[in-house]
Amino acid sequence: KDCHWGIIVRGFYQSGYGFSIDNQGNYYLTYLGETPNDYLGNIKAGSHSAIRWEEPNTITALVEGDNLTFFVNEVPIITYQADNSTSPEISWLIWAAEGVSAVYELDDLIVKEK
């Protein structure tokens, strides 16, 4: 509880669009911004039955120009039109609230180009 993990596209840990899930079926799409003043927080948050509770999940990000589509376990969860369509960066996203103890196992980051 109070922790989530995912992927950032179109930026690094202090910028870009972060998509993450938690172990209770929730997802979060956040714009971190290119500068601190750009931070928007959660663009969209919700829950989806494709996210497995307390089990491994696979996140896929499909980035085509300014269109971002995020999948969990091969099910599309959210599509968003980004403002930033040129940044090629990609990184992991891991978050835990203060005092939370969590163990993450992240593997198989695969990047494909069309």
PDB file of N, CA and C in Angstrom:
ATOM      1  N   LYS A   1       0.842  -1.177   0.000  1.00  0.00           N
ATOM      2  CA  LYS A   1       0.000   0.000   0.000  1.00  0.00           C
ATOM      3  C   LYS A   1       0.889   1.244   0.000  1.00  0.00           C
ATOM      4  N   ASP A   2       0.430   2.302  -0.634  1.00  0.00           N
ATOM      5  CA  ASP A   2       1.142   3.576  -0.711  1.00  0.00           C
ATOM      6  C   ASP A   2       2.471   3.475  -1.452  1.00  0.00           C
ATOM      7  N   CYS A   3       2.511   2.630  -2.484  1.00  0.00           N
ATOM      8  CA  CYS A   3       3.683   2.580  -3.348  1.00  0.00           C
ATOM      9  C   CYS A   3       3.224   2.165  -4.745  1.00  0.00           C
ATOM     10  N   HIS A   4       3.951   2.624  -5.754  1.00  0.00           N
ATOM     11  CA  HIS A   4       3.626   2.233  -7.121  1.00  0.00           C
ATOM     12  C   HIS A   4       4.873   2.272  -7.976  1.00  0.00           C
ATOM     13  N   TRP A   5       4.790   1.658  -9.144  1.00  0.00           N
ATOM     14  CA  TRP A   5       5.933   1.562 -10.056  1.00  0.00           C
ATOM     15  C   TRP A   5       5.429   1.670 -11.486  1.00  0.00           C
ATOM     16  N   GLY A   6       6.364   2.012 -12.395  1.00  0.00           N
ATOM     17  CA  GLY A   6       5.974   2.118 -13.791  1.00  0.00           C
ATOM     18  C   GLY A   6       7.108   2.608 -14.668  1.00  0.00           C
ATOM     19  N   ILE A   7       6.741   3.438 -15.634  1.00  0.00           N
ATOM     20  CA  ILE A   7       7.678   3.864 -16.658  1.00  0.00           C
ATOM     21  C   ILE A   7       7.460   5.343 -16.962  1.00  0.00           C
ATOM     22  N   ILE A   8       8.543   6.030 -17.296  1.00  0.00           N
ATOM     23  CA  ILE A   8       8.461   7.432 -17.729  1.00  0.00           C
ATOM     24  C   ILE A   8       8.887   7.481 -19.191  1.00  0.00           C
ATOM     25  N   VAL A   9       8.086   8.127 -20.015  1.00  0.00           N
ATOM     26  CA  VAL A   9       8.435   8.332 -21.423  1.00  0.00           C
ATOM     27  C   VAL A   9       8.499   9.824 -21.691  1.00  0.00           C
ATOM     28  N   ARG A  10       9.228  10.173 -22.737  1.00  0.00           N
ATOM     29  CA  ARG A  10       9.427  11.580 -23.104  1.00  0.00           C
ATOM     30  C   ARG A  10      10.105  12.376 -22.000  1.00  0.00           C
ATOM     31  N   GLY A  11      10.981  11.711 -21.198  1.00  0.00           N
ATOM     32  CA  GLY A  11      11.712  12.404 -20.165  1.00  0.00           C
ATOM     33  C   GLY A  11      12.337  11.469 -19.162  1.00  0.00           C
ATOM     34  N   PHE A  12      13.062  12.055 -18.196  1.00  0.00           N
ATOM     35  CA  PHE A  12      13.713  11.311 -17.129  1.00  0.00           C
ATOM     36  C   PHE A  12      12.918  11.454 -15.844  1.00  0.00           C
ATOM     37  N   TYR A  13      13.541  11.147 -14.694  1.00  0.00           N
ATOM     38  CA  TYR A  13      12.828  11.130 -13.421  1.00  0.00           C
ATOM     39  C   TYR A  13      12.285  12.491 -13.001  1.00  0.00           C
ATOM     40  N   GLN A  14      12.809  13.564 -13.533  1.00  0.00           N
ATOM     41  CA  GLN A  14      12.298  14.887 -13.181  1.00  0.00           C
ATOM     42  C   GLN A  14      11.513  15.535 -14.305  1.00  0.00           C
ATOM     43  N   SER A  15      11.223  14.775 -15.348  1.00  0.00           N
ATOM     44  CA  SER A  15      10.473  15.328 -16.472  1.00  0.00           C
ATOM     45  C   SER A  15       9.739  14.197 -17.171  1.00  0.00           C
ATOM     46  N   GLY A  16       8.891  14.534 -18.104  1.00  0.00           N
ATOM     47  CA  GLY A  16       8.227  13.513 -18.903  1.00  0.00           C
ATOM     48  C   GLY A  16       6.882  13.076 -18.350  1.00  0.00           C
ATOM     49  N   TYR A  17       6.364  12.018 -18.956  1.00  0.00           N
ATOM     50  CA  TYR A  17       5.056  11.466 -18.627  1.00  0.00           C
ATOM     51  C   TYR A  17       5.255  10.133 -17.922  1.00  0.00           C
ATOM     52  N   GLY A  18       4.802  10.048 -16.695  1.00  0.00           N
ATOM     53  CA  GLY A  18       4.963   8.835 -15.918  1.00  0.00           C
ATOM     54  C   GLY A  18       3.656   8.067 -15.853  1.00  0.00           C
ATOM     55  N   PHE A  19       3.717   6.772 -16.161  1.00  0.00           N
ATOM     56  CA  PHE A  19       2.569   5.883 -16.007  1.00  0.00           C
ATOM     57  C   PHE A  19       2.965   4.833 -14.977  1.00  0.00           C
ATOM     58  N   SER A  20       2.165   4.694 -13.935  1.00  0.00           N
ATOM     59  CA  SER A  20       2.495   3.726 -12.894  1.00  0.00           C
ATOM     60  C   SER A  20       1.237   3.027 -12.395  1.00  0.00           C
ATOM     61  N   ILE A  21       1.487   1.870 -11.750  1.00  0.00           N
ATOM     62  CA  ILE A  21       0.400   1.094 -11.164  1.00  0.00           C
ATOM     63  C   ILE A  21       0.783   0.729  -9.734  1.00  0.00           C
ATOM     64  N   ASP A  22      -0.215   0.360  -8.939  1.00  0.00           N
ATOM     65  CA  ASP A  22       0.068  -0.139  -7.600  1.00  0.00           C
ATOM     66  C   ASP A  22      -0.440  -1.570  -7.483  1.00  0.00           C
ATOM     67  N   ASN A  23      -0.259  -2.156  -6.310  1.00  0.00           N
ATOM     68  CA  ASN A  23      -0.646  -3.550  -6.142  1.00  0.00           C
ATOM     69  C   ASN A  23      -2.095  -3.717  -5.704  1.00  0.00           C
ATOM     70  N   GLN A  24      -2.901  -2.667  -5.896  1.00  0.00           N
ATOM     71  CA  GLN A  24      -4.319  -2.737  -5.562  1.00  0.00           C
ATOM     72  C   GLN A  24      -5.199  -2.389  -6.757  1.00  0.00           C
ATOM     73  N   GLY A  25      -4.623  -2.487  -7.968  1.00  0.00           N
ATOM     74  CA  GLY A  25      -5.414  -2.301  -9.180  1.00  0.00           C
ATOM     75  C   GLY A  25      -5.547  -0.877  -9.677  1.00  0.00           C
ATOM     76  N   ASN A  26      -4.774   0.046  -9.123  1.00  0.00           N
ATOM     77  CA  ASN A  26      -4.876   1.452  -9.515  1.00  0.00           C
ATOM     78  C   ASN A  26      -3.766   1.841 -10.485  1.00  0.00           C
ATOM     79  N   TYR A  27      -4.047   2.849 -11.323  1.00  0.00           N
ATOM     80  CA  TYR A  27      -3.037   3.400 -12.227  1.00  0.00           C
ATOM     81  C   TYR A  27      -3.018   4.913 -12.111  1.00  0.00           C
ATOM     82  N   TYR A  28      -1.880   5.497 -12.534  1.00  0.00           N
ATOM     83  CA  TYR A  28      -1.681   6.940 -12.456  1.00  0.00           C
ATOM     84  C   TYR A  28      -0.924   7.391 -13.696  1.00  0.00           C
ATOM     85  N   LEU A  29      -1.416   8.420 -14.371  1.00  0.00           N
ATOM     86  CA  LEU A  29      -0.679   9.068 -15.446  1.00  0.00           C
ATOM     87  C   LEU A  29      -0.352  10.470 -14.958  1.00  0.00           C
ATOM     88  N   THR A  30       0.938  10.780 -14.900  1.00  0.00           N
ATOM     89  CA  THR A  30       1.419  12.038 -14.336  1.00  0.00           C
ATOM     90  C   THR A  30       2.322  12.741 -15.334  1.00  0.00           C
ATOM     91  N   TYR A  31       2.179  14.055 -15.436  1.00  0.00           N
ATOM     92  CA  TYR A  31       3.121  14.848 -16.221  1.00  0.00           C
ATOM     93  C   TYR A  31       4.052  15.534 -15.247  1.00  0.00           C
ATOM     94  N   LEU A  32       5.332  15.190 -15.337  1.00  0.00           N
ATOM     95  CA  LEU A  32       6.314  15.741 -14.421  1.00  0.00           C
ATOM     96  C   LEU A  32       6.850  17.083 -14.890  1.00  0.00           C
ATOM     97  N   GLY A  33       6.697  17.399 -16.171  1.00  0.00           N
ATOM     98  CA  GLY A  33       7.121  18.683 -16.709  1.00  0.00           C
ATOM     99  C   GLY A  33       8.592  18.734 -17.052  1.00  0.00           C
ATOM    100  N   GLU A  34       8.941  19.654 -17.922  1.00  0.00           N
ATOM    101  CA  GLU A  34      10.344  19.844 -18.295  1.00  0.00           C
ATOM    102  C   GLU A  34      11.061  20.757 -17.307  1.00  0.00           C
ATOM    103  N   THR A  35      10.320  21.592 -16.605  1.00  0.00           N
ATOM    104  CA  THR A  35      10.860  22.431 -15.538  1.00  0.00           C
ATOM    105  C   THR A  35       9.943  22.260 -14.321  1.00  0.00           C
ATOM    106  N   PRO A  36      10.414  22.591 -13.114  1.00  0.00           N
ATOM    107  CA  PRO A  36       9.560  22.435 -11.923  1.00  0.00           C
ATOM    108  C   PRO A  36       8.214  23.148 -12.033  1.00  0.00           C
ATOM    109  N   ASN A  37       8.152  24.247 -12.765  1.00  0.00           N
ATOM    110  CA  ASN A  37       6.894  24.981 -12.909  1.00  0.00           C
ATOM    111  C   ASN A  37       5.896  24.274 -13.812  1.00  0.00           C
ATOM    112  N   ASP A  38       6.357  23.272 -14.575  1.00  0.00           N
ATOM    113  CA  ASP A  38       5.474  22.549 -15.489  1.00  0.00           C
ATOM    114  C   ASP A  38       4.728  21.403 -14.825  1.00  0.00           C
ATOM    115  N   TYR A  39       5.075  21.048 -13.588  1.00  0.00           N
ATOM    116  CA  TYR A  39       4.497  19.882 -12.931  1.00  0.00           C
ATOM    117  C   TYR A  39       2.978  20.003 -12.846  1.00  0.00           C
ATOM    118  N   LEU A  40       2.265  19.006 -13.360  1.00  0.00           N
ATOM    119  CA  LEU A  40       0.807  19.011 -13.325  1.00  0.00           C
ATOM    120  C   LEU A  40       0.240  17.992 -12.350  1.00  0.00           C
ATOM    121  N   GLY A  41       1.086  17.115 -11.822  1.00  0.00           N
ATOM    122  CA  GLY A  41       0.562  16.058 -10.959  1.00  0.00           C
ATOM    123  C   GLY A  41      -0.167  15.028 -11.795  1.00  0.00           C
ATOM    124  N   ASN A  42      -1.148  14.394 -11.203  1.00  0.00           N
ATOM    125  CA  ASN A  42      -1.867  13.354 -11.924  1.00  0.00           C
ATOM    126  C   ASN A  42      -2.758  13.944 -13.011  1.00  0.00           C
ATOM    127  N   ILE A  43      -2.520  13.502 -14.237  1.00  0.00           N
ATOM    128  CA  ILE A  43      -3.396  13.853 -15.358  1.00  0.00           C
ATOM    129  C   ILE A  43      -4.657  13.012 -15.251  1.00  0.00           C
ATOM    130  N   LYS A  44      -4.449  11.743 -14.926  1.00  0.00           N
ATOM    131  CA  LYS A  44      -5.563  10.804 -14.813  1.00  0.00           C
ATOM    132  C   LYS A  44      -5.178   9.717 -13.827  1.00  0.00           C
ATOM    133  N   ALA A  45      -6.075   9.364 -12.968  1.00  0.00           N
ATOM    134  CA  ALA A  45      -5.876   8.257 -12.029  1.00  0.00           C
ATOM    135  C   ALA A  45      -7.162   7.450 -12.015  1.00  0.00           C
ATOM    136  N   GLY A  46      -7.025   6.161 -11.837  1.00  0.00           N
ATOM    137  CA  GLY A  46      -8.203   5.308 -11.791  1.00  0.00           C
ATOM    138  C   GLY A  46      -7.815   3.888 -11.446  1.00  0.00           C
ATOM    139  N   SER A  47      -8.741   2.982 -11.668  1.00  0.00           N
ATOM    140  CA  SER A  47      -8.455   1.571 -11.431  1.00  0.00           C
ATOM    141  C   SER A  47      -8.878   0.790 -12.672  1.00  0.00           C
ATOM    142  N   HIS A  48      -8.310  -0.415 -12.815  1.00  0.00           N
ATOM    143  CA  HIS A  48      -8.625  -1.243 -13.971  1.00  0.00           C
ATOM    144  C   HIS A  48      -8.451  -2.711 -13.598  1.00  0.00           C
ATOM    145  N   SER A  49      -9.350  -3.533 -14.073  1.00  0.00           N
ATOM    146  CA  SER A  49      -9.313  -4.961 -13.737  1.00  0.00           C
ATOM    147  C   SER A  49      -8.135  -5.696 -14.375  1.00  0.00           C
ATOM    148  N   ALA A  50      -7.465  -5.103 -15.364  1.00  0.00           N
ATOM    149  CA  ALA A  50      -6.298  -5.743 -15.982  1.00  0.00           C
ATOM    150  C   ALA A  50      -5.086  -5.754 -15.053  1.00  0.00           C
ATOM    151  N   ILE A  51      -5.087  -4.889 -14.055  1.00  0.00           N
ATOM    152  CA  ILE A  51      -3.965  -4.814 -13.116  1.00  0.00           C
ATOM    153  C   ILE A  51      -4.167  -5.892 -12.054  1.00  0.00           C
ATOM    154  N   ARG A  52      -3.218  -6.813 -11.967  1.00  0.00           N
ATOM    155  CA  ARG A  52      -3.319  -7.938 -11.028  1.00  0.00           C
ATOM    156  C   ARG A  52      -2.859  -7.509  -9.634  1.00  0.00           C
ATOM    157  N   TRP A  53      -3.661  -7.820  -8.643  1.00  0.00           N
ATOM    158  CA  TRP A  53      -3.326  -7.522  -7.252  1.00  0.00           C
ATOM    159  C   TRP A  53      -2.282  -8.497  -6.761  1.00  0.00           C
ATOM    160  N   GLU A  54      -1.239  -7.980  -6.161  1.00  0.00           N
ATOM    161  CA  GLU A  54      -0.222  -8.803  -5.500  1.00  0.00           C
ATOM    162  C   GLU A  54       0.413  -9.839  -6.426  1.00  0.00           C
ATOM    163  N   GLU A  55       0.440  -9.575  -7.726  1.00  0.00           N
ATOM    164  CA  GLU A  55       1.042 -10.471  -8.708  1.00  0.00           C
ATOM    165  C   GLU A  55       1.866  -9.642  -9.689  1.00  0.00           C
ATOM    166  N   PRO A  56       2.766 -10.290 -10.429  1.00  0.00           N
ATOM    167  CA  PRO A  56       3.520  -9.550 -11.459  1.00  0.00           C
ATOM    168  C   PRO A  56       2.588  -8.977 -12.530  1.00  0.00           C
ATOM    169  N   ASN A  57       2.941  -7.807 -13.018  1.00  0.00           N
ATOM    170  CA  ASN A  57       2.221  -7.131 -14.095  1.00  0.00           C
ATOM    171  C   ASN A  57       3.224  -6.674 -15.146  1.00  0.00           C
ATOM    172  N   THR A  58       2.782  -6.597 -16.376  1.00  0.00           N
ATOM    173  CA  THR A  58       3.614  -6.109 -17.466  1.00  0.00           C
ATOM    174  C   THR A  58       3.042  -4.789 -17.965  1.00  0.00           C
ATOM    175  N   ILE A  59       3.881  -3.756 -17.980  1.00  0.00           N
ATOM    176  CA  ILE A  59       3.484  -2.446 -18.498  1.00  0.00           C
ATOM    177  C   ILE A  59       4.122  -2.263 -19.868  1.00  0.00           C
ATOM    178  N   THR A  60       3.328  -1.797 -20.814  1.00  0.00           N
ATOM    179  CA  THR A  60       3.810  -1.477 -22.157  1.00  0.00           C
ATOM    180  C   THR A  60       3.447  -0.031 -22.457  1.00  0.00           C
ATOM    181  N   ALA A  61       4.409   0.717 -22.981  1.00  0.00           N
ATOM    182  CA  ALA A  61       4.164   2.090 -23.422  1.00  0.00           C
ATOM    183  C   ALA A  61       4.356   2.130 -24.928  1.00  0.00           C
ATOM    184  N   LEU A  62       3.350   2.573 -25.641  1.00  0.00           N
ATOM    185  CA  LEU A  62       3.424   2.754 -27.086  1.00  0.00           C
ATOM    186  C   LEU A  62       3.455   4.254 -27.345  1.00  0.00           C
ATOM    187  N   VAL A  63       4.578   4.735 -27.872  1.00  0.00           N
ATOM    188  CA  VAL A  63       4.772   6.166 -28.100  1.00  0.00           C
ATOM    189  C   VAL A  63       4.890   6.386 -29.599  1.00  0.00           C
ATOM    190  N   GLU A  64       3.909   7.076 -30.167  1.00  0.00           N
ATOM    191  CA  GLU A  64       3.898   7.380 -31.600  1.00  0.00           C
ATOM    192  C   GLU A  64       3.658   8.871 -31.771  1.00  0.00           C
ATOM    193  N   GLY A  65       4.743   9.606 -32.051  1.00  0.00           N
ATOM    194  CA  GLY A  65       4.626  11.062 -32.149  1.00  0.00           C
ATOM    195  C   GLY A  65       4.192  11.627 -30.808  1.00  0.00           C
ATOM    196  N   ASP A  66       3.088  12.363 -30.789  1.00  0.00           N
ATOM    197  CA  ASP A  66       2.615  12.910 -29.520  1.00  0.00           C
ATOM    198  C   ASP A  66       1.536  12.051 -28.864  1.00  0.00           C
ATOM    199  N   ASN A  67       1.237  10.881 -29.449  1.00  0.00           N
ATOM    200  CA  ASN A  67       0.256   9.970 -28.853  1.00  0.00           C
ATOM    201  C   ASN A  67       0.944   8.940 -27.968  1.00  0.00           C
ATOM    202  N   LEU A  68       0.490   8.853 -26.717  1.00  0.00           N
ATOM    203  CA  LEU A  68       1.015   7.902 -25.744  1.00  0.00           C
ATOM    204  C   LEU A  68      -0.104   6.944 -25.367  1.00  0.00           C
ATOM    205  N   THR A  69       0.139   5.654 -25.491  1.00  0.00           N
ATOM    206  CA  THR A  69      -0.826   4.657 -25.053  1.00  0.00           C
ATOM    207  C   THR A  69      -0.122   3.718 -24.086  1.00  0.00           C
ATOM    208  N   PHE A  70      -0.755   3.477 -22.951  1.00  0.00           N
ATOM    209  CA  PHE A  70      -0.176   2.620 -21.923  1.00  0.00           C
ATOM    210  C   PHE A  70      -1.065   1.396 -21.733  1.00  0.00           C
ATOM    211  N   PHE A  71      -0.413   0.240 -21.672  1.00  0.00           N
ATOM    212  CA  PHE A  71      -1.087  -1.037 -21.523  1.00  0.00           C
ATOM    213  C   PHE A  71      -0.607  -1.697 -20.239  1.00  0.00           C
ATOM    214  N   VAL A  72      -1.464  -2.507 -19.638  1.00  0.00           N
ATOM    215  CA  VAL A  72      -1.062  -3.383 -18.539  1.00  0.00           C
ATOM    216  C   VAL A  72      -1.521  -4.784 -18.906  1.00  0.00           C
ATOM    217  N   ASN A  73      -0.595  -5.708 -18.916  1.00  0.00           N
ATOM    218  CA  ASN A  73      -0.881  -7.093 -19.277  1.00  0.00           C
ATOM    219  C   ASN A  73      -1.604  -7.182 -20.621  1.00  0.00           C
ATOM    220  N   GLU A  74      -1.124  -6.372 -21.573  1.00  0.00           N
ATOM    221  CA  GLU A  74      -1.590  -6.317 -22.958  1.00  0.00           C
ATOM    222  C   GLU A  74      -2.981  -5.708 -23.143  1.00  0.00           C
ATOM    223  N   VAL A  75      -3.529  -5.105 -22.096  1.00  0.00           N
ATOM    224  CA  VAL A  75      -4.839  -4.445 -22.167  1.00  0.00           C
ATOM    225  C   VAL A  75      -4.607  -2.933 -22.169  1.00  0.00           C
ATOM    226  N   PRO A  76      -5.143  -2.198 -23.169  1.00  0.00           N
ATOM    227  CA  PRO A  76      -4.963  -0.739 -23.172  1.00  0.00           C
ATOM    228  C   PRO A  76      -5.689  -0.110 -21.977  1.00  0.00           C
ATOM    229  N   ILE A  77      -4.950   0.743 -21.257  1.00  0.00           N
ATOM    230  CA  ILE A  77      -5.509   1.383 -20.060  1.00  0.00           C
ATOM    231  C   ILE A  77      -5.850   2.841 -20.328  1.00  0.00           C
ATOM    232  N   ILE A  78      -4.928   3.574 -20.970  1.00  0.00           N
ATOM    233  CA  ILE A  78      -5.154   4.995 -21.212  1.00  0.00           C
ATOM    234  C   ILE A  78      -4.346   5.461 -22.419  1.00  0.00           C
ATOM    235  N   THR A  79      -4.920   6.377 -23.179  1.00  0.00           N
ATOM    236  CA  THR A  79      -4.233   7.047 -24.285  1.00  0.00           C
ATOM    237  C   THR A  79      -4.255   8.540 -23.987  1.00  0.00           C
ATOM    238  N   TYR A  80      -3.127   9.196 -24.279  1.00  0.00           N
ATOM    239  CA  TYR A  80      -3.008  10.619 -23.983  1.00  0.00           C
ATOM    240  C   TYR A  80      -2.211  11.298 -25.078  1.00  0.00           C
ATOM    241  N   GLN A  81      -2.610  12.514 -25.439  1.00  0.00           N
ATOM    242  CA  GLN A  81      -1.868  13.293 -26.423  1.00  0.00           C
ATOM    243  C   GLN A  81      -0.912  14.217 -25.683  1.00  0.00           C
ATOM    244  N   ALA A  82       0.390  13.963 -25.855  1.00  0.00           N
ATOM    245  CA  ALA A  82       1.425  14.701 -25.140  1.00  0.00           C
ATOM    246  C   ALA A  82       1.722  16.043 -25.795  1.00  0.00           C
ATOM    247  N   ASP A  83       2.208  16.974 -24.993  1.00  0.00           N
ATOM    248  CA  ASP A  83       2.670  18.256 -25.510  1.00  0.00           C
ATOM    249  C   ASP A  83       4.075  18.132 -26.077  1.00  0.00           C
ATOM    250  N   ASN A  84       4.855  17.215 -25.530  1.00  0.00           N
ATOM    251  CA  ASN A  84       6.252  17.032 -25.905  1.00  0.00           C
ATOM    252  C   ASN A  84       6.354  15.810 -26.806  1.00  0.00           C
ATOM    253  N   SER A  85       6.606  16.003 -28.087  1.00  0.00           N
ATOM    254  CA  SER A  85       6.657  14.869 -29.011  1.00  0.00           C
ATOM    255  C   SER A  85       8.053  14.612 -29.554  1.00  0.00           C
ATOM    256  N   THR A  86       9.084  15.204 -28.939  1.00  0.00           N
ATOM    257  CA  THR A  86      10.429  15.024 -29.484  1.00  0.00           C
ATOM    258  C   THR A  86      11.409  14.370 -28.514  1.00  0.00           C
ATOM    259  N   SER A  87      11.164  14.411 -27.242  1.00  0.00           N
ATOM    260  CA  SER A  87      12.101  13.866 -26.270  1.00  0.00           C
ATOM    261  C   SER A  87      12.148  12.339 -26.363  1.00  0.00           C
ATOM    262  N   PRO A  88      13.339  11.745 -26.574  1.00  0.00           N
ATOM    263  CA  PRO A  88      13.437  10.296 -26.760  1.00  0.00           C
ATOM    264  C   PRO A  88      13.689   9.506 -25.464  1.00  0.00           C
ATOM    265  N   GLU A  89      13.793  10.166 -24.326  1.00  0.00           N
ATOM    266  CA  GLU A  89      14.183   9.503 -23.088  1.00  0.00           C
ATOM    267  C   GLU A  89      13.106   8.558 -22.569  1.00  0.00           C
ATOM    268  N   ILE A  90      13.564   7.532 -21.833  1.00  0.00           N
ATOM    269  CA  ILE A  90      12.682   6.576 -21.174  1.00  0.00           C
ATOM    270  C   ILE A  90      13.367   6.138 -19.888  1.00  0.00           C
ATOM    271  N   SER A  91      12.598   5.939 -18.824  1.00  0.00           N
ATOM    272  CA  SER A  91      13.196   5.512 -17.558  1.00  0.00           C
ATOM    273  C   SER A  91      12.155   4.815 -16.693  1.00  0.00           C
ATOM    274  N   TRP A  92      12.638   4.125 -15.649  1.00  0.00           N
ATOM    275  CA  TRP A  92      11.756   3.491 -14.670  1.00  0.00           C
ATOM    276  C   TRP A  92      11.166   4.549 -13.753  1.00  0.00           C
ATOM    277  N   LEU A  93      10.026   4.243 -13.162  1.00  0.00           N
ATOM    278  CA  LEU A  93       9.394   5.092 -12.159  1.00  0.00           C
ATOM    279  C   LEU A  93       9.084   4.211 -10.953  1.00  0.00           C
ATOM    280  N   ILE A  94       9.610   4.577  -9.801  1.00  0.00           N
ATOM    281  CA  ILE A  94       9.333   3.859  -8.554  1.00  0.00           C
ATOM    282  C   ILE A  94       9.022   4.894  -7.489  1.00  0.00           C
ATOM    283  N   TRP A  95       7.936   4.691  -6.750  1.00  0.00           N
ATOM    284  CA  TRP A  95       7.546   5.629  -5.707  1.00  0.00           C
ATOM    285  C   TRP A  95       7.031   4.863  -4.494  1.00  0.00           C
ATOM    286  N   ALA A  96       7.400   5.322  -3.314  1.00  0.00           N
ATOM    287  CA  ALA A  96       6.866   4.777  -2.065  1.00  0.00           C
ATOM    288  C   ALA A  96       6.697   5.923  -1.075  1.00  0.00           C
ATOM    289  N   ALA A  97       5.605   5.894  -0.338  1.00  0.00           N
ATOM    290  CA  ALA A  97       5.356   6.921   0.669  1.00  0.00           C
ATOM    291  C   ALA A  97       6.368   6.789   1.801  1.00  0.00           C
ATOM    292  N   GLU A  98       6.543   7.850   2.543  1.00  0.00           N
ATOM    293  CA  GLU A  98       7.478   7.844   3.660  1.00  0.00           C
ATOM    294  C   GLU A  98       7.114   6.736   4.645  1.00  0.00           C
ATOM    295  N   GLY A  99       8.105   5.957   5.030  1.00  0.00           N
ATOM    296  CA  GLY A  99       7.894   4.890   5.996  1.00  0.00           C
ATOM    297  C   GLY A  99       7.441   3.569   5.405  1.00  0.00           C
ATOM    298  N   VAL A 100       7.168   3.551   4.105  1.00  0.00           N
ATOM    299  CA  VAL A 100       6.715   2.325   3.450  1.00  0.00           C
ATOM    300  C   VAL A 100       7.917   1.473   3.086  1.00  0.00           C
ATOM    301  N   SER A 101       7.804   0.185   3.322  1.00  0.00           N
ATOM    302  CA  SER A 101       8.841  -0.762   2.934  1.00  0.00           C
ATOM    303  C   SER A 101       8.301  -1.589   1.780  1.00  0.00           C
ATOM    304  N   ALA A 102       9.044  -1.623   0.668  1.00  0.00           N
ATOM    305  CA  ALA A 102       8.580  -2.348  -0.514  1.00  0.00           C
ATOM    306  C   ALA A 102       9.764  -2.984  -1.219  1.00  0.00           C
ATOM    307  N   VAL A 103       9.504  -4.100  -1.866  1.00  0.00           N
ATOM    308  CA  VAL A 103      10.512  -4.767  -2.675  1.00  0.00           C
ATOM    309  C   VAL A 103       9.997  -4.784  -4.112  1.00  0.00           C
ATOM    310  N   TYR A 104      10.790  -4.248  -5.030  1.00  0.00           N
ATOM    311  CA  TYR A 104      10.423  -4.214  -6.444  1.00  0.00           C
ATOM    312  C   TYR A 104      11.349  -5.136  -7.218  1.00  0.00           C
ATOM    313  N   GLU A 105      10.804  -5.822  -8.179  1.00  0.00           N
ATOM    314  CA  GLU A 105      11.620  -6.599  -9.111  1.00  0.00           C
ATOM    315  C   GLU A 105      11.249  -6.139 -10.506  1.00  0.00           C
ATOM    316  N   LEU A 106      12.172  -5.428 -11.145  1.00  0.00           N
ATOM    317  CA  LEU A 106      11.938  -4.883 -12.473  1.00  0.00           C
ATOM    318  C   LEU A 106      12.872  -5.590 -13.445  1.00  0.00           C
ATOM    319  N   ASP A 107      12.329  -6.052 -14.540  1.00  0.00           N
ATOM    320  CA  ASP A 107      13.185  -6.710 -15.532  1.00  0.00           C
ATOM    321  C   ASP A 107      12.590  -6.558 -16.919  1.00  0.00           C
ATOM    322  N   ASP A 108      13.372  -6.944 -17.872  1.00  0.00           N
ATOM    323  CA  ASP A 108      12.929  -7.000 -19.262  1.00  0.00           C
ATOM    324  C   ASP A 108      12.408  -5.669 -19.804  1.00  0.00           C
ATOM    325  N   LEU A 109      13.201  -4.623 -19.676  1.00  0.00           N
ATOM    326  CA  LEU A 109      12.863  -3.368 -20.346  1.00  0.00           C
ATOM    327  C   LEU A 109      13.234  -3.536 -21.804  1.00  0.00           C
ATOM    328  N   ILE A 110      12.232  -3.586 -22.659  1.00  0.00           N
ATOM    329  CA  ILE A 110      12.440  -3.805 -24.091  1.00  0.00           C
ATOM    330  C   ILE A 110      12.003  -2.553 -24.832  1.00  0.00           C
ATOM    331  N   VAL A 111      12.884  -2.022 -25.646  1.00  0.00           N
ATOM    332  CA  VAL A 111      12.567  -0.840 -26.448  1.00  0.00           C
ATOM    333  C   VAL A 111      12.604  -1.264 -27.902  1.00  0.00           C
ATOM    334  N   LYS A 112      11.504  -1.023 -28.613  1.00  0.00           N
ATOM    335  CA  LYS A 112      11.409  -1.376 -30.023  1.00  0.00           C
ATOM    336  C   LYS A 112      11.118  -0.109 -30.810  1.00  0.00           C
ATOM    337  N   GLU A 113      11.679  -0.025 -31.988  1.00  0.00           N
ATOM    338  CA  GLU A 113      11.431   1.096 -32.873  1.00  0.00           C
ATOM    339  C   GLU A 113      10.716   0.591 -34.104  1.00  0.00           C
ATOM    340  N   LYS A 114       9.675   1.297 -34.518  1.00  0.00           N
ATOM    341  CA  LYS A 114       8.937   0.890 -35.722  1.00  0.00           C
ATOM    342  C   LYS A 114       9.695   1.271 -36.957  1.00  0.00           C
TER     343      LYS A 114
END
